[in-house]
C-alpha atoms as a PDB file:
ATOM      1  CA  MET A   1      88.650  93.325 102.730  1.00  0.00           C
ATOM      2  CA  SER A   2      91.693  95.526 102.748  1.00  0.00           C
ATOM      3  CA  GLN A   3      94.248  95.004 105.492  1.00  0.00           C
ATOM      4  CA  THR A   4      93.481  98.375 107.110  1.00  0.00           C
ATOM      5  CA  LYS A   5      89.737  97.688 107.216  1.00  0.00           C
ATOM      6  CA  ARG A   6      90.419  94.198 108.516  1.00  0.00           C
ATOM      7  CA  GLU A   7      92.582  95.605 111.316  1.00  0.00           C
ATOM      8  CA  GLN A   8      89.875  98.137 112.184  1.00  0.00           C
ATOM      9  CA  VAL A   9      87.229  95.411 112.367  1.00  0.00           C
ATOM     10  CA  ILE A  10      89.472  93.202 114.518  1.00  0.00           C
ATOM     11  CA  SER A  11      90.172  96.126 116.837  1.00  0.00           C
ATOM     12  CA  HIS A  12      86.463  96.953 117.176  1.00  0.00           C
ATOM     13  CA  ILE A  13      85.580  93.328 117.889  1.00  0.00           C
ATOM     14  CA  ARG A  14      88.286  93.003 120.552  1.00  0.00           C
ATOM     15  CA  TYR A  15      87.124  96.179 122.256  1.00  0.00           C
ATOM     16  CA  LEU A  16      83.471  95.126 122.192  1.00  0.00           C
ATOM     17  CA  ARG A  17      84.293  91.645 123.452  1.00  0.00           C
ATOM     18  CA  GLU A  18      86.223  93.060 126.419  1.00  0.00           C
ATOM     19  CA  GLU A  19      83.434  95.482 127.286  1.00  0.00           C
ATOM     20  CA  LEU A  20      80.839  92.711 127.121  1.00  0.00           C
ATOM     21  CA  ARG A  21      83.002  90.456 129.317  1.00  0.00           C
ATOM     22  CA  GLU A  22      83.230  93.176 131.951  1.00  0.00           C
ATOM     23  CA  MET A  23      79.459  93.699 131.875  1.00  0.00           C
ATOM     24  CA  HIS A  24      78.839  89.968 132.108  1.00  0.00           C
ATOM     25  CA  LEU A  25      81.149  89.611 135.105  1.00  0.00           C
ATOM     26  CA  GLY A  26      79.480  92.557 136.808  1.00  0.00           C
ATOM     27  CA  ILE A  27      76.081  90.965 136.380  1.00  0.00           C
ATOM     28  CA  LYS A  28      77.204  87.460 137.285  1.00  0.00           C
ATOM     29  CA  GLU A  29      79.404  88.224 140.292  1.00  0.00           C
ATOM     30  CA  ASP A  30      77.967  91.415 141.751  1.00  0.00           C
ATOM     31  CA  ASP A  31      74.410  91.533 140.374  1.00  0.00           C
ATOM     32  CA  LEU A  32      75.234  94.973 138.983  1.00  0.00           C
ATOM     33  CA  PHE A  33      73.621  95.922 135.737  1.00  0.00           C
ATOM     34  CA  PRO A  34      75.446  98.263 133.339  1.00  0.00           C
ATOM     35  CA  GLU A  35      74.527 101.924 133.143  1.00  0.00           C
ATOM     36  CA  PRO A  36      72.310 102.890 130.203  1.00  0.00           C
ATOM     37  CA  SER A  37      75.115 105.106 128.892  1.00  0.00           C
ATOM     38  CA  GLU A  38      77.443 102.064 128.760  1.00  0.00           C
ATOM     39  CA  LEU A  39      74.885 100.152 126.722  1.00  0.00           C
ATOM     40  CA  LYS A  40      74.364 103.117 124.403  1.00  0.00           C
ATOM     41  CA  GLY A  41      78.125 103.353 123.909  1.00  0.00           C
ATOM     42  CA  LEU A  42      78.379  99.691 122.988  1.00  0.00           C
ATOM     43  CA  THR A  43      75.422 100.031 120.642  1.00  0.00           C
ATOM     44  CA  ALA A  44      77.186 102.929 118.931  1.00  0.00           C
ATOM     45  CA  GLN A  45      80.336 100.822 118.601  1.00  0.00           C
ATOM     46  CA  PHE A  46      78.341  97.958 117.057  1.00  0.00           C
ATOM     47  CA  GLU A  47      76.747 100.407 114.608  1.00  0.00           C
ATOM     48  CA  ALA A  48      80.166 101.792 113.653  1.00  0.00           C
ATOM     49  CA  LEU A  49      81.447  98.269 113.089  1.00  0.00           C
ATOM     50  CA  LEU A  50      78.416  97.413 110.989  1.00  0.00           C
ATOM     51  CA  GLU A  51      78.900 100.539 108.873  1.00  0.00           C
ATOM     52  CA  LEU A  52      82.547  99.656 108.368  1.00  0.00           C
ATOM     53  CA  ILE A  53      81.640  96.149 107.260  1.00  0.00           C
ATOM     54  CA  GLU A  54      78.650  97.168 105.136  1.00  0.00           C
ATOM     55  CA  GLY A  55      80.632  99.901 103.431  1.00  0.00           C
ATOM     56  CA  ASN A  56      83.185  97.338 102.340  1.00  0.00           C
ATOM     57  CA  THR A  57      80.475  94.861 101.313  1.00  0.00           C
ATOM     58  CA  LYS A  58      78.746  97.473  99.150  1.00  0.00           C
ATOM     59  CA  ILE A  59      82.020  98.262  97.391  1.00  0.00           C
ATOM     60  CA  GLN A  60      82.615  94.559  96.721  1.00  0.00           C
ATOM     61  CA  SER A  61      79.030  94.094  95.481  1.00  0.00           C
ATOM     62  CA  ASN A  62      79.353  96.975  93.043  1.00  0.00           C
ATOM     63  CA  SER A  63      82.663  95.691  91.680  1.00  0.00           C
ATOM     64  CA  GLU A  64      81.226  92.182  91.303  1.00  0.00           C
ATOM     65  CA  VAL A  65      78.362  93.553  89.181  1.00  0.00           C
ATOM     66  CA  ALA A  66      80.749  95.321  86.811  1.00  0.00           C
END
């Protein structure tokens, strides 16, 4: 994985981890569940991360075949 892609993945994971921590604390301490829009936003972030990773994996797979 190139350094730029690696940095993007690390950044996405840090962001998602922080968001999930905040949601967890809200549920645990205050019994407040996240808004549906928050969950949709995190789902979109996970999908973007997956696309970033899969795009790189597909490139590596094609170069390994050659």
